[in-house]
Every structure is written in C-alpha cells, then in structure tokens.
Amino acid sequence: MVAFAVKTPPQHGRWAEFLDVWQAADDIEVFESAWVMDHFYPLTPPLDGTHLESWTMLAALAMATRRLRLGCMVNGMHYRHPAVTANAAVTIDHISGGRFVLGLGAGWFEPESNAYGIPLGTLTERFDRFDEGVEVICSLLSNEVTNFSGRYYVLTDARCNPKPVQPRLPIAIGGKGPKRTLPTVARWADHWDTTATDVEGWKALSDVLDGECAAIGRQSGEIRRSVHLMWEAGADPVELAARAAEFGDAGVDLVIFSMRGPYHARLLDPLAAALTG
C-alpha cells in the first residue's frame, strides 16, 4: 500500500512557515514522513532568494515533531565529507529517537558550487566520489573502525560513535541514472527516490533497478521506492491524489508531495482528505 509524505524545500519561505507545516503534518496520520532538500541557493527563481540550510533545520524539526520520519532528499556528497555526514546523521537519529533517513546524492547544481568554490567535477568524477563516499558512510555507521583509501577520501582508524538508534539507519539514494546511480542503489541503498513525470518512465527505471539487484544477488523488494510529485501553488488536491494513486498502482511505495509554496499548514488537511477519500 502506498504511503505519503510532504517535502518543504527550504527556499523562498520563512522558518516559522516550514515549522508550522511540519507540526501540522505530524498530527495528520496519512503523512508518514517529511523532507527537506540540501542546497544553499533556491532551485526556482529568483536564485538570489532566501534558502535555509538543511541539516540545522532537520535537527530543529526532529525536536519539534514526535512521529514523522524525517530526512533530506538528498544531501550532496561534494558539499560534506562523508565522515562529517555520518556523524551528523547519527546525531539527528538520536535527537529524533530513531526516525531519521539519510538521503544521499552525487550533487548537480552548478551555480551554488561555482559561487562557493566547491568543486563539483565532471559527471564521472561526481559519481566516482559518490561511490567512495557512500561506502565510507556505510562503514562508519556499522563498523567500530573504518580504514579506507580512495581517490577522494582517505580514513585511518576512523570512528563514528555512538552508533545510530536504529539497528540500521536507512540510506536513501536519489537519482535516475541507469549506468551509475541505479547500480549504486542496488549495492548500498535501503530506499531509492526519483522525480517522475510519467508512470511508464518510472516503471522502466524501476525495472533497471530490479536487474541491477539480480546481477548482484540482492532481493529487489528490499529497496523502498519513492517518487516526488510537484505540489504547485493552487494545485487541486483531488488531482494530486489521483496522480499519486497511479504511481502506487505501478509499484511506488512512497509518494512525496514537494511543496512549491506558499508554505501554509492549512493546505495539508485538504490533501489528506483527498488521499483518504
């Protein structure tokens, strides 16, 4: 049965608005999780608008909610050293009482990387770095000591303590690339997320992931699958619910409604009613 979530990209809005949405969602059982995104510039115009930082938001939102699972779709690997990411993830998992999901991606938005002087690299470099980083994070979260020597990361007798509250902290990998992203999902992820404009296109990618899992002897059903649906201002809740149902029928486990503003908590009840009606 398909589950539902809300996402508040922390752009073009005020902290009080995001907080109100999350606390309202926490009281509406139909929403099982809530998400932010990891950028420093808005992804929609104006690019010089406001954008809050995701990890500090998540720590505060973990304290402000009691039930929702929470995470970031997705954290750019090139922004943050994987050892720093692992420690931050464990901290939020403890703050939230074991409700955290760690979203990871290779990074892609050039304007902010160029402005801050953070090397993004070619596509090959991004995904080589990403593969190393995911392996480092998985090791730090589960092993007492991590030693790793790669092109991008070198760790020597590295520790990450305490370990997460959850026996296994779920890792969600976002993306749709069949050559690099989906093989990495098959190897490391508990959850695969992508944006999708049509059910057929999503199903084709899901079939590729099934094949990648089979190639390494993994049960594809172990990987949860989610899609983002854009929640535009003024969108009809009934139409959004119908669209979500189409993806649920195709095998999507979680539909994430990504708000595009305004960020008003009062918008949640009509959507919840449409989803359960």
C-alpha atoms as a PDB file:
ATOM      1  CA  MET A   1       0.000   0.000   0.000  1.00  0.00           C
ATOM      2  CA  VAL A   2       1.412   3.372  -0.990  1.00  0.00           C
ATOM      3  CA  ALA A   3       2.404   5.806   1.768  1.00  0.00           C
ATOM      4  CA  PHE A   4       2.559   9.598   1.607  1.00  0.00           C
ATOM      5  CA  ALA A   5       4.949  12.334   2.659  1.00  0.00           C
ATOM      6  CA  VAL A   6       5.388  16.083   2.397  1.00  0.00           C
ATOM      7  CA  LYS A   7       8.501  17.994   1.426  1.00  0.00           C
ATOM      8  CA  THR A   8       9.290  21.608   2.185  1.00  0.00           C
ATOM      9  CA  PRO A   9      12.274  22.716   0.113  1.00  0.00           C
ATOM     10  CA  PRO A  10      13.595  25.441   2.443  1.00  0.00           C
ATOM     11  CA  GLN A  11      13.585  28.116  -0.254  1.00  0.00           C
ATOM     12  CA  HIS A  12      11.593  31.337  -0.576  1.00  0.00           C
ATOM     13  CA  GLY A  13       9.980  30.855   2.806  1.00  0.00           C
ATOM     14  CA  ARG A  14      10.287  31.644   6.495  1.00  0.00           C
ATOM     15  CA  TRP A  15      11.322  29.258   9.260  1.00  0.00           C
ATOM     16  CA  ALA A  16       8.003  29.769  11.026  1.00  0.00           C
ATOM     17  CA  GLU A  17       6.124  28.632   7.907  1.00  0.00           C
ATOM     18  CA  PHE A  18       8.182  25.467   7.497  1.00  0.00           C
ATOM     19  CA  LEU A  19       7.793  24.671  11.188  1.00  0.00           C
ATOM     20  CA  ASP A  20       4.014  25.103  11.008  1.00  0.00           C
ATOM     21  CA  VAL A  21       3.782  22.729   8.033  1.00  0.00           C
ATOM     22  CA  TRP A  22       5.864  20.053   9.753  1.00  0.00           C
ATOM     23  CA  GLN A  23       3.965  20.238  13.016  1.00  0.00           C
ATOM     24  CA  ALA A  24       0.655  20.075  11.175  1.00  0.00           C
ATOM     25  CA  ALA A  25       1.847  17.047   9.185  1.00  0.00           C
ATOM     26  CA  ASP A  26       2.980  15.410  12.422  1.00  0.00           C
ATOM     27  CA  ASP A  27      -0.661  15.486  13.556  1.00  0.00           C
ATOM     28  CA  ILE A  28      -2.051  14.023  10.308  1.00  0.00           C
ATOM     29  CA  GLU A  29      -1.585  10.255  10.271  1.00  0.00           C
ATOM     30  CA  VAL A  30      -1.759   9.918   6.488  1.00  0.00           C
ATOM     31  CA  PHE A  31       1.663  11.585   6.183  1.00  0.00           C
ATOM     32  CA  GLU A  32       4.333   9.166   7.343  1.00  0.00           C
ATOM     33  CA  SER A  33       7.394  11.339   6.734  1.00  0.00           C
ATOM     34  CA  ALA A  34       8.587  14.836   5.897  1.00  0.00           C
ATOM     35  CA  TRP A  35      11.625  16.023   3.977  1.00  0.00           C
ATOM     36  CA  VAL A  36      13.810  18.993   3.125  1.00  0.00           C
ATOM     37  CA  MET A  37      16.460  19.380   0.394  1.00  0.00           C
ATOM     38  CA  ASP A  38      20.179  20.068   0.575  1.00  0.00           C
ATOM     39  CA  HIS A  39      21.002  23.242  -1.306  1.00  0.00           C
ATOM     40  CA  PHE A  40      22.188  26.733  -0.471  1.00  0.00           C
ATOM     41  CA  TYR A  41      20.611  28.573  -3.401  1.00  0.00           C
ATOM     42  CA  PRO A  42      16.955  28.234  -4.412  1.00  0.00           C
ATOM     43  CA  LEU A  43      16.330  25.915  -7.343  1.00  0.00           C
ATOM     44  CA  THR A  44      13.460  28.057  -8.611  1.00  0.00           C
ATOM     45  CA  PRO A  45      13.676  31.775  -9.448  1.00  0.00           C
ATOM     46  CA  PRO A  46      14.766  34.093  -8.085  1.00  0.00           C
ATOM     47  CA  LEU A  47      18.115  32.384  -7.462  1.00  0.00           C
ATOM     48  CA  ASP A  48      19.107  35.231  -5.150  1.00  0.00           C
ATOM     49  CA  GLY A  49      16.136  34.477  -2.898  1.00  0.00           C
ATOM     50  CA  THR A  50      16.296  33.021   0.581  1.00  0.00           C
ATOM     51  CA  HIS A  51      17.279  29.422   1.351  1.00  0.00           C
ATOM     52  CA  LEU A  52      17.806  27.873   4.777  1.00  0.00           C
ATOM     53  CA  GLU A  53      20.406  25.172   5.469  1.00  0.00           C
ATOM     54  CA  SER A  54      19.024  21.642   5.664  1.00  0.00           C
ATOM     55  CA  TRP A  55      20.948  19.876   8.439  1.00  0.00           C
ATOM     56  CA  THR A  56      20.401  22.548  11.071  1.00  0.00           C
ATOM     57  CA  MET A  57      16.731  22.624  10.077  1.00  0.00           C
ATOM     58  CA  LEU A  58      16.451  18.863  10.468  1.00  0.00           C
ATOM     59  CA  ALA A  59      17.875  18.939  13.985  1.00  0.00           C
ATOM     60  CA  ALA A  60      15.307  21.554  14.986  1.00  0.00           C
ATOM     61  CA  LEU A  61      12.456  19.770  13.197  1.00  0.00           C
ATOM     62  CA  ALA A  62      13.379  16.491  14.881  1.00  0.00           C
ATOM     63  CA  MET A  63      12.804  18.209  18.233  1.00  0.00           C
ATOM     64  CA  ALA A  64       9.585  19.863  17.035  1.00  0.00           C
ATOM     65  CA  THR A  65       7.913  16.609  15.897  1.00  0.00           C
ATOM     66  CA  ARG A  66       7.109  13.339  17.607  1.00  0.00           C
ATOM     67  CA  ARG A  67       6.016  10.858  14.922  1.00  0.00           C
ATOM     68  CA  LEU A  68       7.147  11.738  11.407  1.00  0.00           C
ATOM     69  CA  ARG A  69      10.152  10.060   9.906  1.00  0.00           C
ATOM     70  CA  LEU A  70      12.394  12.744   8.502  1.00  0.00           C
ATOM     71  CA  GLY A  71      15.281  13.313   6.161  1.00  0.00           C
ATOM     72  CA  CYS A  72      16.783  15.293   3.333  1.00  0.00           C
ATOM     73  CA  MET A  73      16.192  14.408  -0.318  1.00  0.00           C
ATOM     74  CA  VAL A  74      19.087  14.433  -0.925  1.00  0.00           C
ATOM     75  CA  ASN A  75      22.404  15.545   0.535  1.00  0.00           C
ATOM     76  CA  GLY A  76      25.088  16.475  -2.000  1.00  0.00           C
ATOM     77  CA  MET A  77      28.179  14.359  -1.406  1.00  0.00           C
ATOM     78  CA  HIS A  78      30.551  17.069  -2.625  1.00  0.00           C
ATOM     79  CA  TYR A  79      29.355  19.572  -0.014  1.00  0.00           C
ATOM     80  CA  ARG A  80      30.179  17.499   3.028  1.00  0.00           C
ATOM     81  CA  HIS A  81      32.905  14.995   3.834  1.00  0.00           C
ATOM     82  CA  PRO A  82      31.258  11.582   4.350  1.00  0.00           C
ATOM     83  CA  ALA A  83      32.701  11.235   7.863  1.00  0.00           C
ATOM     84  CA  VAL A  84      31.059  14.537   8.819  1.00  0.00           C
ATOM     85  CA  THR A  85      27.820  13.371   7.215  1.00  0.00           C
ATOM     86  CA  ALA A  86      27.876  10.075   9.113  1.00  0.00           C
ATOM     87  CA  ASN A  87      28.352  11.821  12.464  1.00  0.00           C
ATOM     88  CA  ALA A  88      25.603  14.344  11.707  1.00  0.00           C
ATOM     89  CA  ALA A  89      23.250  11.547  10.668  1.00  0.00           C
ATOM     90  CA  VAL A  90      23.829   9.645  13.899  1.00  0.00           C
ATOM     91  CA  THR A  91      23.252  12.811  15.913  1.00  0.00           C
ATOM     92  CA  ILE A  92      19.900  13.531  14.253  1.00  0.00           C
ATOM     93  CA  ASP A  93      18.900   9.888  14.614  1.00  0.00           C
ATOM     94  CA  HIS A  94      19.468  10.233  18.362  1.00  0.00           C
ATOM     95  CA  ILE A  95      17.700  13.602  18.553  1.00  0.00           C
ATOM     96  CA  SER A  96      14.691  12.169  16.716  1.00  0.00           C
ATOM     97  CA  GLY A  97      14.561   8.919  18.685  1.00  0.00           C
ATOM     98  CA  GLY A  98      15.376   6.792  15.626  1.00  0.00           C
ATOM     99  CA  ARG A  99      13.245   8.497  12.959  1.00  0.00           C
ATOM    100  CA  PHE A 100      15.991   9.658  10.584  1.00  0.00           C
ATOM    101  CA  VAL A 101      16.555   8.570   6.975  1.00  0.00           C
ATOM    102  CA  LEU A 102      19.852   9.564   5.362  1.00  0.00           C
ATOM    103  CA  GLY A 103      19.351  10.809   1.813  1.00  0.00           C
ATOM    104  CA  LEU A 104      22.429  10.895  -0.431  1.00  0.00           C
ATOM    105  CA  GLY A 105      23.134  12.152  -3.941  1.00  0.00           C
ATOM    106  CA  ALA A 106      26.142  12.903  -6.128  1.00  0.00           C
ATOM    107  CA  GLY A 107      25.423  16.633  -6.487  1.00  0.00           C
ATOM    108  CA  TRP A 108      24.494  18.558  -9.618  1.00  0.00           C
ATOM    109  CA  PHE A 109      23.565  22.242  -9.112  1.00  0.00           C
ATOM    110  CA  GLU A 110      26.458  24.211 -10.560  1.00  0.00           C
ATOM    111  CA  PRO A 111      25.512  27.819  -9.616  1.00  0.00           C
ATOM    112  CA  GLU A 112      25.995  27.339  -5.884  1.00  0.00           C
ATOM    113  CA  SER A 113      29.081  25.133  -6.273  1.00  0.00           C
ATOM    114  CA  ASN A 114      30.743  27.683  -8.522  1.00  0.00           C
ATOM    115  CA  ALA A 115      29.791  30.586  -6.260  1.00  0.00           C
ATOM    116  CA  TYR A 116      31.201  28.903  -3.150  1.00  0.00           C
ATOM    117  CA  GLY A 117      34.262  27.438  -4.834  1.00  0.00           C
ATOM    118  CA  ILE A 118      33.213  23.870  -4.001  1.00  0.00           C
ATOM    119  CA  PRO A 119      34.478  21.605  -6.809  1.00  0.00           C
ATOM    120  CA  LEU A 120      31.638  19.700  -8.433  1.00  0.00           C
ATOM    121  CA  GLY A 121      33.667  17.962 -11.124  1.00  0.00           C
ATOM    122  CA  THR A 122      32.704  16.096 -14.253  1.00  0.00           C
ATOM    123  CA  LEU A 123      29.929  13.538 -14.198  1.00  0.00           C
ATOM    124  CA  THR A 124      32.480  10.738 -13.915  1.00  0.00           C
ATOM    125  CA  GLU A 125      34.238  12.488 -11.038  1.00  0.00           C
ATOM    126  CA  ARG A 126      30.954  13.152  -9.249  1.00  0.00           C
ATOM    127  CA  PHE A 127      29.895   9.529  -9.361  1.00  0.00           C
ATOM    128  CA  ASP A 128      33.329   8.140  -8.534  1.00  0.00           C
ATOM    129  CA  ARG A 129      33.389  10.411  -5.486  1.00  0.00           C
ATOM    130  CA  PHE A 130      29.823   9.456  -4.645  1.00  0.00           C
ATOM    131  CA  ASP A 131      30.546   5.729  -4.739  1.00  0.00           C
ATOM    132  CA  GLU A 132      33.508   6.218  -2.402  1.00  0.00           C
ATOM    133  CA  GLY A 133      31.508   8.410  -0.070  1.00  0.00           C
ATOM    134  CA  VAL A 134      28.574   6.019   0.248  1.00  0.00           C
ATOM    135  CA  GLU A 135      30.941   3.162   1.065  1.00  0.00           C
ATOM    136  CA  VAL A 136      32.683   5.283   3.708  1.00  0.00           C
ATOM    137  CA  ILE A 137      29.388   6.306   5.321  1.00  0.00           C
ATOM    138  CA  CYS A 138      28.041   2.751   5.412  1.00  0.00           C
ATOM    139  CA  SER A 139      31.218   1.540   7.062  1.00  0.00           C
ATOM    140  CA  LEU A 140      31.271   4.313   9.661  1.00  0.00           C
ATOM    141  CA  LEU A 141      27.643   3.687  10.591  1.00  0.00           C
ATOM    142  CA  SER A 142      28.122  -0.034  11.132  1.00  0.00           C
ATOM    143  CA  ASN A 143      31.782  -0.753  11.940  1.00  0.00           C
ATOM    144  CA  GLU A 144      33.757   0.165  15.021  1.00  0.00           C
ATOM    145  CA  VAL A 145      36.765   1.243  12.953  1.00  0.00           C
ATOM    146  CA  THR A 146      36.935   2.273   9.302  1.00  0.00           C
ATOM    147  CA  ASN A 147      40.038   2.281   7.124  1.00  0.00           C
ATOM    148  CA  PHE A 148      39.619   3.478   3.578  1.00  0.00           C
ATOM    149  CA  SER A 149      41.991   4.627   0.866  1.00  0.00           C
ATOM    150  CA  GLY A 150      40.433   6.054  -2.278  1.00  0.00           C
ATOM    151  CA  ARG A 151      40.971   8.833  -4.748  1.00  0.00           C
ATOM    152  CA  TYR A 152      38.718  11.268  -2.905  1.00  0.00           C
ATOM    153  CA  TYR A 153      38.663  10.038   0.688  1.00  0.00           C
ATOM    154  CA  VAL A 154      41.263   8.523   2.998  1.00  0.00           C
ATOM    155  CA  LEU A 155      40.310   7.378   6.504  1.00  0.00           C
ATOM    156  CA  THR A 156      42.645   5.813   9.051  1.00  0.00           C
ATOM    157  CA  ASP A 157      41.273   4.033  12.115  1.00  0.00           C
ATOM    158  CA  ALA A 158      38.225   6.291  11.861  1.00  0.00           C
ATOM    159  CA  ARG A 159      35.394   6.017  14.371  1.00  0.00           C
ATOM    160  CA  CYS A 160      31.805   7.199  14.453  1.00  0.00           C
ATOM    161  CA  ASN A 161      30.352   6.789  17.933  1.00  0.00           C
ATOM    162  CA  PRO A 162      27.727   6.368  19.169  1.00  0.00           C
ATOM    163  CA  LYS A 163      26.055   4.252  16.535  1.00  0.00           C
ATOM    164  CA  PRO A 164      22.529   5.105  15.334  1.00  0.00           C
ATOM    165  CA  VAL A 165      19.478   4.391  17.464  1.00  0.00           C
ATOM    166  CA  GLN A 166      18.069   2.298  14.608  1.00  0.00           C
ATOM    167  CA  PRO A 167      19.682  -1.117  14.110  1.00  0.00           C
ATOM    168  CA  ARG A 168      20.288   0.001  10.527  1.00  0.00           C
ATOM    169  CA  LEU A 169      19.969   3.679   9.666  1.00  0.00           C
ATOM    170  CA  PRO A 170      18.157   3.692   6.301  1.00  0.00           C
ATOM    171  CA  ILE A 171      20.036   5.164   3.352  1.00  0.00           C
ATOM    172  CA  ALA A 172      18.002   6.721   0.553  1.00  0.00           C
ATOM    173  CA  ILE A 173      19.782   7.419  -2.727  1.00  0.00           C
ATOM    174  CA  GLY A 174      18.227   9.839  -5.164  1.00  0.00           C
ATOM    175  CA  GLY A 175      18.625   9.862  -8.929  1.00  0.00           C
ATOM    176  CA  LYS A 176      17.682   8.117 -12.131  1.00  0.00           C
ATOM    177  CA  GLY A 177      20.916   7.398 -13.994  1.00  0.00           C
ATOM    178  CA  PRO A 178      20.855   3.764 -15.200  1.00  0.00           C
ATOM    179  CA  LYS A 179      24.628   3.474 -15.610  1.00  0.00           C
ATOM    180  CA  ARG A 180      25.889   4.818 -12.285  1.00  0.00           C
ATOM    181  CA  THR A 181      23.115   5.745  -9.869  1.00  0.00           C
ATOM    182  CA  LEU A 182      20.968   2.613 -10.045  1.00  0.00           C
ATOM    183  CA  PRO A 183      23.898   0.190  -9.635  1.00  0.00           C
ATOM    184  CA  THR A 184      24.904   2.146  -6.527  1.00  0.00           C
ATOM    185  CA  VAL A 185      21.331   1.980  -5.253  1.00  0.00           C
ATOM    186  CA  ALA A 186      21.301  -1.777  -5.745  1.00  0.00           C
ATOM    187  CA  ARG A 187      24.526  -2.170  -3.814  1.00  0.00           C
ATOM    188  CA  TRP A 188      24.035   0.185  -0.865  1.00  0.00           C
ATOM    189  CA  ALA A 189      20.566   1.713  -0.554  1.00  0.00           C
ATOM    190  CA  ASP A 190      17.524   0.836   1.505  1.00  0.00           C
ATOM    191  CA  HIS A 191      15.442   3.376  -0.391  1.00  0.00           C
ATOM    192  CA  TRP A 192      15.517   4.740  -3.951  1.00  0.00           C
ATOM    193  CA  ASP A 193      13.981   8.105  -4.791  1.00  0.00           C
ATOM    194  CA  THR A 194      13.484   9.915  -8.074  1.00  0.00           C
ATOM    195  CA  THR A 195      11.410  12.615  -9.672  1.00  0.00           C
ATOM    196  CA  ALA A 196       8.996  11.297 -12.259  1.00  0.00           C
ATOM    197  CA  THR A 197       6.740  12.901 -14.819  1.00  0.00           C
ATOM    198  CA  ASP A 198       5.081   9.733 -16.070  1.00  0.00           C
ATOM    199  CA  VAL A 199       4.374   6.308 -14.684  1.00  0.00           C
ATOM    200  CA  GLU A 200       5.803   4.482 -17.689  1.00  0.00           C
ATOM    201  CA  GLY A 201       9.157   6.229 -17.353  1.00  0.00           C
ATOM    202  CA  TRP A 202       9.323   5.424 -13.662  1.00  0.00           C
ATOM    203  CA  LYS A 203       8.451   1.787 -14.280  1.00  0.00           C
ATOM    204  CA  ALA A 204      11.240   1.487 -16.860  1.00  0.00           C
ATOM    205  CA  LEU A 205      13.783   2.775 -14.322  1.00  0.00           C
ATOM    206  CA  SER A 206      12.373   0.506 -11.624  1.00  0.00           C
ATOM    207  CA  ASP A 207      12.863  -2.463 -13.956  1.00  0.00           C
ATOM    208  CA  VAL A 208      16.500  -1.419 -14.470  1.00  0.00           C
ATOM    209  CA  LEU A 209      16.969  -1.368 -10.696  1.00  0.00           C
ATOM    210  CA  ASP A 210      15.448  -4.852 -10.467  1.00  0.00           C
ATOM    211  CA  GLY A 211      18.009  -6.034 -12.996  1.00  0.00           C
ATOM    212  CA  GLU A 212      20.890  -4.452 -11.082  1.00  0.00           C
ATOM    213  CA  CYS A 213      19.730  -6.166  -7.904  1.00  0.00           C
ATOM    214  CA  ALA A 214      19.516  -9.525  -9.672  1.00  0.00           C
ATOM    215  CA  ALA A 215      23.028  -9.080 -11.031  1.00  0.00           C
ATOM    216  CA  ILE A 216      24.482  -8.886  -7.506  1.00  0.00           C
ATOM    217  CA  GLY A 217      22.117 -11.425  -5.927  1.00  0.00           C
ATOM    218  CA  ARG A 218      20.042  -8.946  -3.949  1.00  0.00           C
ATOM    219  CA  GLN A 219      16.284  -9.134  -3.479  1.00  0.00           C
ATOM    220  CA  SER A 220      14.888  -6.052  -5.202  1.00  0.00           C
ATOM    221  CA  GLY A 221      11.985  -5.944  -2.754  1.00  0.00           C
ATOM    222  CA  GLU A 222      14.416  -4.895  -0.033  1.00  0.00           C
ATOM    223  CA  ILE A 223      14.634  -1.426  -1.581  1.00  0.00           C
ATOM    224  CA  ARG A 224      11.828   1.012  -0.889  1.00  0.00           C
ATOM    225  CA  ARG A 225      10.851   3.175  -3.867  1.00  0.00           C
ATOM    226  CA  SER A 226       9.576   6.736  -3.786  1.00  0.00           C
ATOM    227  CA  VAL A 227       8.738   9.459  -6.277  1.00  0.00           C
ATOM    228  CA  HIS A 228       8.431  13.212  -5.973  1.00  0.00           C
ATOM    229  CA  LEU A 229       5.273  14.887  -7.207  1.00  0.00           C
ATOM    230  CA  MET A 230       5.496  18.660  -7.500  1.00  0.00           C
ATOM    231  CA  TRP A 231       2.858  20.381  -5.368  1.00  0.00           C
ATOM    232  CA  GLU A 232       2.363  23.623  -7.248  1.00  0.00           C
ATOM    233  CA  ALA A 233       0.531  26.588  -5.775  1.00  0.00           C
ATOM    234  CA  GLY A 234      -3.197  26.186  -6.301  1.00  0.00           C
ATOM    235  CA  ALA A 235      -2.996  22.522  -7.295  1.00  0.00           C
ATOM    236  CA  ASP A 236      -6.208  20.544  -6.934  1.00  0.00           C
ATOM    237  CA  PRO A 237      -5.822  18.042  -4.043  1.00  0.00           C
ATOM    238  CA  VAL A 238      -8.080  15.552  -5.818  1.00  0.00           C
ATOM    239  CA  GLU A 239      -5.875  15.632  -8.920  1.00  0.00           C
ATOM    240  CA  LEU A 240      -2.745  15.217  -6.787  1.00  0.00           C
ATOM    241  CA  ALA A 241      -4.298  12.217  -5.044  1.00  0.00           C
ATOM    242  CA  ALA A 242      -5.261  10.645  -8.360  1.00  0.00           C
ATOM    243  CA  ARG A 243      -1.734  11.097  -9.676  1.00  0.00           C
ATOM    244  CA  ALA A 244      -0.312   9.517  -6.535  1.00  0.00           C
ATOM    245  CA  ALA A 245      -2.659   6.549  -6.934  1.00  0.00           C
ATOM    246  CA  GLU A 246      -1.341   5.928 -10.459  1.00  0.00           C
ATOM    247  CA  PHE A 247       2.203   5.632  -9.149  1.00  0.00           C
ATOM    248  CA  GLY A 248       1.050   3.479  -6.256  1.00  0.00           C
ATOM    249  CA  ASP A 249      -0.590   1.085  -8.695  1.00  0.00           C
ATOM    250  CA  ALA A 250       2.702   0.894 -10.609  1.00  0.00           C
ATOM    251  CA  GLY A 251       4.636  -0.202  -7.524  1.00  0.00           C
ATOM    252  CA  VAL A 252       5.769   3.033  -5.858  1.00  0.00           C
ATOM    253  CA  ASP A 253       5.932   2.630  -2.075  1.00  0.00           C
ATOM    254  CA  LEU A 254       6.026   6.305  -1.097  1.00  0.00           C
ATOM    255  CA  VAL A 255       4.772   9.449  -2.841  1.00  0.00           C
ATOM    256  CA  ILE A 256       6.413  12.668  -1.662  1.00  0.00           C
ATOM    257  CA  PHE A 257       4.434  15.841  -2.310  1.00  0.00           C
ATOM    258  CA  SER A 258       7.065  18.551  -2.774  1.00  0.00           C
ATOM    259  CA  MET A 259       5.585  21.949  -1.972  1.00  0.00           C
ATOM    260  CA  ARG A 260       6.420  24.846  -4.252  1.00  0.00           C
ATOM    261  CA  GLY A 261       4.952  27.485  -1.981  1.00  0.00           C
ATOM    262  CA  PRO A 262       3.185  29.073  -0.397  1.00  0.00           C
ATOM    263  CA  TYR A 263       4.085  27.051   2.687  1.00  0.00           C
ATOM    264  CA  HIS A 264       0.772  27.098   4.526  1.00  0.00           C
ATOM    265  CA  ALA A 265      -0.125  24.391   7.020  1.00  0.00           C
ATOM    266  CA  ARG A 266      -3.794  24.783   6.130  1.00  0.00           C
ATOM    267  CA  LEU A 267      -3.098  23.158   2.743  1.00  0.00           C
ATOM    268  CA  LEU A 268      -2.392  19.769   4.344  1.00  0.00           C
ATOM    269  CA  ASP A 269      -5.885  18.858   5.502  1.00  0.00           C
ATOM    270  CA  PRO A 270      -7.499  19.092   2.029  1.00  0.00           C
ATOM    271  CA  LEU A 271      -4.745  16.924   0.555  1.00  0.00           C
ATOM    272  CA  ALA A 272      -5.056  14.396   3.358  1.00  0.00           C
ATOM    273  CA  ALA A 273      -8.808  14.239   2.817  1.00  0.00           C
ATOM    274  CA  ALA A 274      -8.327  13.620  -0.917  1.00  0.00           C
ATOM    275  CA  LEU A 275      -5.776  10.881  -0.240  1.00  0.00           C
ATOM    276  CA  THR A 276      -8.080   9.036   2.131  1.00  0.00           C
ATOM    277  CA  GLY A 277     -11.394   9.834   0.442  1.00  0.00           C
END
